[in-house]
Protein backbone atom coordinates (compact mmCIF):
# COMPACT_ATOMS: atom_id res chain seq x y z
CA MET A 1 64.25 82.87 74.11
CA PRO A 2 67.25 81.00 71.88
CA PHE A 3 70.41 82.79 73.19
CA SER A 4 71.25 83.26 69.74
CA LYS A 5 68.57 85.17 68.77
CA SER A 6 66.88 88.63 69.51
CA CYS A 7 63.46 89.21 70.96
CA PRO A 8 60.52 89.18 68.16
CA GLN A 9 58.57 91.57 70.12
CA CYS A 10 61.48 94.44 71.02
CA GLY A 11 64.46 93.25 69.50
CA TRP A 12 66.59 92.74 72.33
CA ARG A 13 69.67 90.37 72.51
CA PRO A 14 71.37 88.70 75.36
CA ASP A 15 74.80 90.40 75.24
CA PHE A 16 77.50 88.64 76.89
CA HIS A 17 81.55 88.63 77.10
CA CYS A 18 83.33 85.00 77.26
CA VAL A 19 84.47 84.41 80.45
CA SER A 20 87.49 83.36 79.91
CA CYS A 21 88.86 86.15 77.03
CA GLY A 22 86.23 88.58 76.92
CA TYR A 23 84.66 87.81 73.30
CA TYR A 24 81.78 89.26 72.61
CA LEU A 25 78.81 85.81 72.32
CA ALA A 26 76.13 87.80 71.03
CA GLY A 27 74.72 85.49 68.39
CA LEU A 28 76.17 82.45 68.68
CA ASP A 29 74.78 79.16 69.91
CA ALA A 30 74.58 78.92 73.70
CA ASP A 31 75.36 74.78 73.55
CA GLY A 32 78.98 75.70 72.02
CA PRO A 33 82.73 77.29 72.51
CA CYS A 34 84.11 80.29 72.34
CA PRO A 35 85.68 80.95 68.87
CA GLU A 36 88.34 82.24 70.49
CA CYS A 37 89.75 80.39 73.08
CA ALA A 38 87.00 77.16 72.88
CA THR A 39 85.84 77.80 76.29
CA PRO A 40 82.17 76.48 76.58
CA ILE A 41 79.54 79.32 76.19
CA ALA A 42 77.65 77.87 78.83
CA GLU A 43 79.86 78.91 81.25
CA SER A 44 80.29 82.49 80.45
CA LEU A 45 76.31 82.78 81.00
CA ARG A 46 75.97 81.92 84.85
CA GLY A 47 76.02 85.38 86.01
CA ASP A 48 78.65 88.08 87.18
CA GLY A 49 79.72 86.47 90.30
CA LEU A 50 82.86 85.97 91.18
CA ALA A 51 82.52 81.88 91.92
CA PHE A 52 81.56 81.41 88.22
CA ALA A 53 84.98 83.63 87.37
CA SER A 54 88.18 81.89 85.25
CA PRO A 55 90.51 80.28 86.72
CA LYS A 56 93.28 82.74 85.56
CA HIS A 57 91.70 85.41 86.84
CA LEU A 58 90.60 84.36 90.23
CA ALA A 59 94.55 83.01 90.11
CA MET A 60 95.47 86.89 89.40
CA LEU A 61 93.02 87.99 92.20
CA GLU A 62 94.43 85.82 94.59
CA LYS A 63 98.21 86.28 93.71
CA GLY A 64 97.39 90.57 93.97
CA LEU A 65 95.81 90.48 97.18
CA ALA A 66 99.06 88.43 98.49
CA PHE A 67 101.43 90.92 97.15
CA THR A 68 99.82 93.56 98.20
CA ARG A 69 99.13 92.31 102.26
CA LEU A 70 103.25 91.31 101.95
CA GLY A 71 104.44 94.73 100.56
CA VAL A 72 102.75 96.16 103.20
CA GLY A 73 103.86 93.45 106.15
CA LEU A 74 107.75 94.01 104.80
CA LEU A 75 106.97 97.50 104.36
CA ILE A 76 106.35 97.46 108.66
CA ALA A 77 108.67 95.12 109.67
CA ILE A 78 111.34 97.06 107.76
CA ALA A 79 110.46 100.73 109.43
CA ILE A 80 110.92 98.64 113.01
CA CYS A 81 114.41 97.26 112.01
CA SER A 82 115.39 100.27 111.13
CA ILE A 83 114.11 102.26 114.54
CA VAL A 84 115.93 99.41 116.33
CA LEU A 85 118.87 99.49 114.20
CA ASN A 86 119.42 102.73 114.94
CA ILE A 87 118.47 102.90 118.48
CA ALA A 88 121.11 99.54 118.73
CA VAL A 89 124.24 101.66 117.00
CA SER A 90 123.22 104.79 119.20
CA MET A 91 123.82 102.54 122.25
CA LEU A 92 126.77 101.15 120.95
CA THR A 93 128.70 104.08 119.71
CA SER A 94 127.14 106.71 121.65
CA SER A 95 126.24 108.74 118.82
CA MET A 96 123.40 108.40 115.45
CA PRO A 97 124.30 106.97 112.28
CA PRO A 98 124.34 109.45 109.41
CA ARG A 99 120.96 109.88 107.92
CA TRP A 100 121.99 109.22 104.79
CA VAL A 101 123.82 105.58 105.61
CA ALA A 102 120.37 104.80 107.04
CA ASP A 103 118.33 105.89 103.97
CA ILE A 104 120.83 103.76 101.78
CA ILE A 105 120.33 100.64 103.95
CA VAL A 106 116.68 101.29 103.67
CA ALA A 107 116.11 101.91 100.04
CA GLY A 108 116.80 99.05 98.82
CA PRO A 109 113.83 96.90 100.43
CA VAL A 110 111.56 99.75 100.83
CA MET A 111 112.01 99.83 96.72
CA ALA A 112 111.26 95.87 96.23
CA CYS A 113 108.06 96.47 99.48
CA PHE A 114 106.78 99.15 96.69
CA VAL A 115 107.37 96.82 93.55
CA LEU A 116 105.40 94.11 95.38
CA TRP A 117 102.76 96.80 96.21
CA ILE A 118 102.26 97.94 93.34
CA ALA A 119 102.12 94.81 91.04
CA GLY A 120 99.78 93.69 93.77
CA TRP A 121 97.30 96.36 93.03
CA TRP A 122 97.57 96.33 89.91
CA MET A 123 96.56 92.98 89.69
CA VAL A 124 93.66 93.20 91.76
CA THR A 125 92.29 96.31 90.36
CA THR A 126 92.11 93.97 86.79
CA PRO A 127 88.53 93.76 85.16
CA ASP A 128 86.82 90.77 84.91
CA PRO A 129 87.13 89.53 81.15
CA ARG A 130 83.36 88.44 81.37
CA LEU A 131 82.43 92.48 82.30
CA ALA A 132 84.16 93.95 79.55
CA ASP A 133 80.59 95.66 78.03
CA GLN A 134 80.34 97.29 81.56
CA GLU A 135 81.81 100.83 82.16
CA PRO A 136 85.30 100.76 83.57
CA ASP A 137 85.39 101.14 87.40
CA TRP A 138 87.14 104.58 87.99
CA HIS A 139 88.47 104.08 91.31
CA ASN A 140 90.62 100.83 89.79
CA ALA A 141 92.34 103.28 87.65
CA VAL A 142 92.71 105.76 91.20
CA ALA A 143 93.70 102.92 92.92
CA ARG A 144 96.69 101.53 90.43
CA TRP A 145 98.08 105.00 89.85
CA SER A 146 97.77 106.30 93.14
CA ALA A 147 99.93 103.89 94.24
CA VAL A 148 102.54 104.72 91.19
CA VAL A 149 102.41 107.94 92.75
CA PHE A 150 102.92 107.66 95.92
CA ALA A 151 105.94 105.16 95.79
CA MET A 152 107.86 107.54 93.12
CA ALA A 153 107.09 110.50 95.44
CA PHE A 154 108.24 108.76 98.67
CA VAL A 155 111.62 108.27 96.51
CA ALA A 156 111.81 111.32 95.65
CA MET A 157 111.61 112.78 98.86
CA LEU A 158 114.08 110.37 100.47
CA VAL A 159 116.47 111.17 97.49
CA GLY A 160 115.94 114.92 97.48
CA SER A 161 115.79 115.23 101.14
CA GLN A 162 119.64 114.43 101.05
CA PHE A 163 120.57 117.03 99.12
CA ILE A 164 118.12 120.05 99.76
CA GLY A 165 116.86 119.38 103.02
CA PRO A 166 113.63 118.07 103.92
CA VAL A 167 110.68 120.10 102.18
CA ARG A 168 107.69 121.95 104.19
CA LEU A 169 104.60 120.28 103.47
CA ALA A 170 105.60 117.47 101.75
CA GLY A 171 104.76 114.54 104.33
CA LEU A 172 101.66 115.96 104.14
CA GLY A 173 101.10 115.51 100.42
CA LEU A 174 102.70 112.22 100.42
CA MET A 175 100.44 111.11 103.59
CA ALA A 176 97.57 112.60 101.37
CA VAL A 177 98.32 110.67 98.30
CA LEU A 178 98.62 107.45 100.23
CA LEU A 179 94.94 108.04 101.81
CA VAL A 180 93.60 108.39 98.11
CA GLN A 181 95.15 104.97 97.40
CA TYR A 182 93.74 103.27 100.53
CA TRP A 183 90.45 104.64 99.85
CA ALA A 184 90.12 103.66 96.21
CA GLY A 185 91.46 100.16 97.49
CA SER A 186 88.91 99.63 100.18
CA MET A 187 86.09 100.90 97.36
CA ARG A 188 87.61 98.06 95.10
CA LEU A 189 87.78 95.18 97.80
CA ARG A 190 83.99 95.95 98.69
CA ARG A 191 83.04 95.38 94.95
CA ILE A 192 84.92 92.07 94.91
CA ALA A 193 83.31 91.42 98.38
CA LEU A 194 80.46 91.81 96.64
CA SER A 195 80.85 90.16 93.98
CA ALA A 196 82.08 86.98 95.97
CA GLY A 197 79.09 87.10 97.93
CA ASN A 198 81.06 87.96 101.39
CA ARG A 199 79.30 90.44 103.53
CA ARG A 200 82.19 90.87 106.68
CA ALA A 201 84.71 91.52 104.03
CA ALA A 202 82.62 94.09 102.12
CA ALA A 203 81.97 95.85 105.50
CA GLN A 204 85.24 95.72 106.07
CA ALA A 205 86.05 97.49 103.40
CA ARG A 206 83.28 99.78 103.25
CA GLN A 207 84.32 100.76 107.33
CA VAL A 208 87.94 101.29 105.70
CA GLY A 209 86.33 104.36 103.38
CA VAL A 210 84.84 105.88 105.96
CA LEU A 211 87.65 105.73 108.37
CA VAL A 212 90.14 107.39 105.89
CA ALA A 213 87.51 110.06 105.80
CA ILE A 214 88.09 110.99 108.97
CA ILE A 215 91.63 110.72 108.41
CA ALA A 216 91.57 113.13 105.65
CA ALA A 217 90.04 115.27 108.07
CA CYS A 218 92.53 114.92 110.83
CA LEU A 219 95.26 115.71 107.66
CA ALA A 220 93.59 118.63 106.80
CA ILE A 221 93.69 120.37 110.10
CA ARG A 222 97.32 119.66 110.65
CA GLY A 223 98.23 120.65 107.29
CA VAL A 224 96.46 123.73 107.88
CA GLN A 225 98.19 123.66 111.12
CA SER A 226 101.77 124.02 109.01
CA ALA A 227 100.78 126.39 106.18
CA ILE A 228 99.93 128.91 108.97
CA ASN A 229 102.52 127.69 110.93
CA PHE A 230 100.00 128.18 113.89
CA HIS A 231 101.93 127.41 117.69
CA PRO A 232 99.61 127.51 120.76
CA PRO A 233 100.09 131.04 122.90
CA ARG A 234 100.78 130.29 126.45
CA GLY A 235 98.23 130.27 129.09
CA SER A 236 94.83 127.96 129.22
CA ALA A 237 93.84 128.76 125.74
CA GLY A 238 97.24 127.06 124.85
CA SER A 239 96.65 124.44 126.78
CA VAL A 240 93.46 123.49 125.25
CA ALA A 241 94.67 123.85 121.67
CA ARG A 242 97.61 121.75 122.31
CA PHE A 243 95.10 119.58 124.16
CA LEU A 244 93.28 119.44 120.76
CA LEU A 245 96.18 119.08 118.05
CA GLY A 246 97.61 116.27 120.59
CA LEU A 247 94.23 114.27 120.38
CA ILE A 248 94.25 115.02 116.75
CA ASN A 249 97.60 113.24 116.75
CA LEU A 250 96.28 110.26 118.30
CA THR A 251 93.24 109.93 116.49
CA PHE A 252 95.17 109.29 113.23
CA LEU A 253 97.74 107.16 114.46
CA VAL A 254 94.80 104.87 116.25
CA LEU A 255 92.50 105.38 112.80
CA ALA A 256 95.48 104.67 110.77
CA ILE A 257 96.55 101.33 111.75
CA ILE A 258 93.11 100.28 112.71
CA VAL A 259 92.37 101.08 108.49
CA MET A 260 95.55 98.79 108.17
CA VAL A 261 94.66 95.87 109.88
CA ARG A 262 90.71 96.42 108.26
CA GLN A 263 91.62 96.38 104.97
CA ALA A 264 94.74 93.46 105.44
CA ASN A 265 91.90 91.36 107.01
CA ALA A 266 89.46 92.02 104.26
CA ALA A 267 92.12 90.90 102.09
CA GLY A 268 92.68 87.74 103.67
CA LEU A 269 88.92 86.98 103.58
CA LEU A 270 88.54 87.53 100.17
CA ARG A 271 92.10 85.19 99.35
CA ASP A 272 89.85 82.22 101.53
CA ASP A 273 86.99 83.18 98.89
CA LEU A 274 89.27 83.13 95.72
CA LYS A 275 91.47 80.10 96.56
CA ARG A 276 87.92 78.05 97.22
CA PHE A 277 86.34 79.40 93.85
CA LEU A 278 89.82 78.27 92.19
CA PHE A 279 89.59 74.59 93.19
CA HIS A 280 85.89 74.46 92.16
CA ALA A 281 87.03 75.90 88.59
CA LYS A 282 89.69 73.63 88.43
CA ARG A 283 87.57 70.64 89.07
CA ARG A 284 85.33 72.33 86.49
CA GLY A 285 87.96 72.42 84.05
């Protein structure tokens, strides 16, 4: 059946959008160009595989994945440098520097990392123009805005602690927002991996989602403990309680590291695919 005509029996007509600009192409000649951007309509009929996406979209996804990895990597490096700096200062001066001094030194680089991280997720969650007729993935919006909320809440907690002191349960709430972001981000990475045909990256992204659920359970237990102000009693029962709480803390720490590594690995695998797709897309163009 010609692309530009409807089915004579049922009236169905192919429903496609331009691979480059998202223009609605139904009813146009398959051999012609897009009226909006002049991209050949034939390129938009290859399916929704990521290998046939527009170079612009591929480049944006690749850059976004690079920004998200770089932002997290720099945040970890800043945290390590801050700890080393505090230890060095305490050894040289026999006293720890005021907390506000360390916060001011770290605040600027941390803000730059957050901007990079949020920009990366904004790019990664940008939908493919070819799929403009489909319902938007809700986890894209969750991954975007939870990253923004986390960054703003982190800065607010950092600044507020200088004036009103630590806020009870603020750290747990902040961690909960970050877990939501990682879960939604892993769902987005899994969708990209399936579209790219990369089963290994899809499996790693799926594992991140499962591990985040386990971490959330550990976080909920610690939240309840903090809310009721529970402290293990003395005796054998208290020893068992302290052991279980320590085990929960260790599980939380180990799984958090695994989640960060797994998501970074999945993003790296997808970047390799995107670079290859982008190379062939430019050759076709």
